[in-house]
Each structure stands twice: as C-alpha cells, then as structure tokens.
Amino acid sequence: MNGKTELIAIDLHPDEKKLILDLAGFWVTDETSLADLRNPRKKWIRFNPSVVSELIGELSYHYNRCRNAARSELLDALISHLENVLSGNGHGL
C-alpha cells in the first residue's frame, strides 16, 4: 500500500458546490477538492471519502436550522446525494 488516499468523484451542480463552500468549506482541506469546487467548469468533484461524511454532518446541521424553503430543499437533495455516493450507490473514481 502506498499510503495514498483513494478519492471519490461526485457530480455536483454549481449551486451545490456553492453551498458546500459557503456552509461546510472548512471541512475541505485537500487542494484537489478545493480547486475542483472553485472551478466553475468542473462538474465532477474529487473528495476523500472521510470528508464527505463530515460534509453530510455539517450540511445536516444547517438543514435542521434552515427556515428558507428553497434552500432547505436544496440542502436536503444535496445531503441525500452525498449519502448515496458514500454508501456506494453513486459514482466514484
């Protein structure tokens, strides 16, 4: 084993990328993931699987306190999408 962490790629829309950066960006410390999130032309964002779990937790925290219906719906969809990918039902690298 070479010690390199296997990344998973997650298909995200621009508004989902913005939510992650705005609400949970402090969990994303990997330069590859940050560059992917900040690149407006990049659709498949590469993450360390352990970071995805942290993102789900942070986004869930904001979802549970959200009073804006549209934002709440977007957070719910994003959390579900991330959970599906993490559980192996989504796409990976």
Protein backbone atom coordinates (compact mmCIF):
# COMPACT_ATOMS: atom_id res chain seq x y z
CA MET A 1 0.00 0.00 0.00
CA ASN A 2 1.39 3.37 -0.98
CA GLY A 3 -0.48 5.39 1.67
CA LYS A 4 -2.28 7.49 -0.92
CA THR A 5 -5.96 8.06 -0.18
CA GLU A 6 -8.44 6.92 -2.80
CA LEU A 7 -10.64 9.83 -3.91
CA ILE A 8 -14.24 9.54 -5.00
CA ALA A 9 -15.74 11.79 -7.66
CA ILE A 10 -19.14 13.33 -7.03
CA ASP A 11 -21.25 15.01 -9.70
CA LEU A 12 -22.28 18.42 -8.33
CA HIS A 13 -24.19 21.37 -9.79
CA PRO A 14 -22.86 24.92 -9.32
CA ASP A 15 -25.42 25.76 -6.61
CA GLU A 16 -24.45 22.60 -4.70
CA LYS A 17 -20.76 23.48 -4.95
CA LYS A 18 -21.54 26.96 -3.61
CA LEU A 19 -23.49 25.54 -0.66
CA ILE A 20 -20.59 23.28 0.25
CA LEU A 21 -18.08 26.13 0.06
CA ASP A 22 -20.33 28.55 1.98
CA LEU A 23 -21.57 26.24 4.73
CA ALA A 24 -19.03 23.44 5.06
CA GLY A 25 -15.96 24.54 3.12
CA PHE A 26 -13.79 24.48 6.24
CA TRP A 27 -14.01 20.65 6.17
CA VAL A 28 -12.46 20.59 2.69
CA THR A 29 -8.72 20.92 3.24
CA ASP A 30 -7.45 18.94 0.25
CA GLU A 31 -6.17 21.25 -2.50
CA THR A 32 -7.56 18.98 -5.23
CA SER A 33 -11.07 19.13 -3.80
CA LEU A 34 -10.89 22.88 -3.22
CA ALA A 35 -9.68 23.50 -6.76
CA ASP A 36 -12.48 21.33 -8.15
CA LEU A 37 -15.10 23.15 -6.06
CA ARG A 38 -13.85 26.59 -7.08
CA ASN A 39 -13.61 25.75 -10.79
CA PRO A 40 -16.92 26.80 -12.39
CA ARG A 41 -16.36 24.45 -15.33
CA LYS A 42 -15.65 21.37 -13.20
CA LYS A 43 -18.65 19.08 -12.67
CA TRP A 44 -17.06 16.02 -11.05
CA ILE A 45 -15.57 16.98 -7.70
CA ARG A 46 -12.96 14.68 -6.16
CA PHE A 47 -13.22 14.13 -2.40
CA ASN A 48 -11.65 11.99 0.28
CA PRO A 49 -14.50 9.70 1.48
CA SER A 50 -13.96 10.75 5.11
CA VAL A 51 -14.52 14.39 4.15
CA VAL A 52 -17.84 13.51 2.50
CA SER A 53 -19.04 12.16 5.83
CA GLU A 54 -18.05 15.40 7.56
CA LEU A 55 -19.79 17.44 4.83
CA ILE A 56 -23.00 15.45 5.34
CA GLY A 57 -22.89 16.18 9.06
CA GLU A 58 -22.27 19.90 8.63
CA LEU A 59 -24.87 20.32 5.89
CA SER A 60 -27.38 18.39 8.03
CA TYR A 61 -26.73 20.82 10.88
CA HIS A 62 -27.60 23.74 8.58
CA TYR A 63 -30.59 21.88 7.11
CA ASN A 64 -32.09 21.33 10.56
CA ARG A 65 -31.89 25.07 11.27
CA CYS A 66 -32.89 26.36 7.84
CA ARG A 67 -36.04 28.50 7.56
CA ASN A 68 -35.82 29.14 3.81
CA ALA A 69 -37.90 26.56 1.90
CA ALA A 70 -35.87 26.71 -1.33
CA ARG A 71 -32.54 26.43 0.47
CA SER A 72 -33.90 23.68 2.69
CA GLU A 73 -34.96 21.69 -0.37
CA LEU A 74 -31.55 22.14 -1.99
CA LEU A 75 -29.76 21.09 1.21
CA ASP A 76 -31.97 18.02 1.54
CA ALA A 77 -31.27 16.95 -2.05
CA LEU A 78 -27.53 17.55 -1.66
CA ILE A 79 -27.34 15.60 1.61
CA SER A 80 -29.24 12.68 0.05
CA HIS A 81 -26.96 12.74 -2.99
CA LEU A 82 -23.81 12.71 -0.84
CA GLU A 83 -25.21 9.89 1.33
CA ASN A 84 -25.98 7.81 -1.76
CA VAL A 85 -22.48 8.28 -3.13
CA LEU A 86 -20.90 7.47 0.22
CA SER A 87 -22.95 4.31 0.63
CA GLY A 88 -21.76 3.07 -2.75
CA ASN A 89 -24.88 3.79 -4.76
CA GLY A 90 -23.27 6.65 -6.66
CA HIS A 91 -20.32 7.16 -8.92
CA GLY A 92 -16.71 7.02 -7.84
CA LEU A 93 -13.32 7.43 -9.44
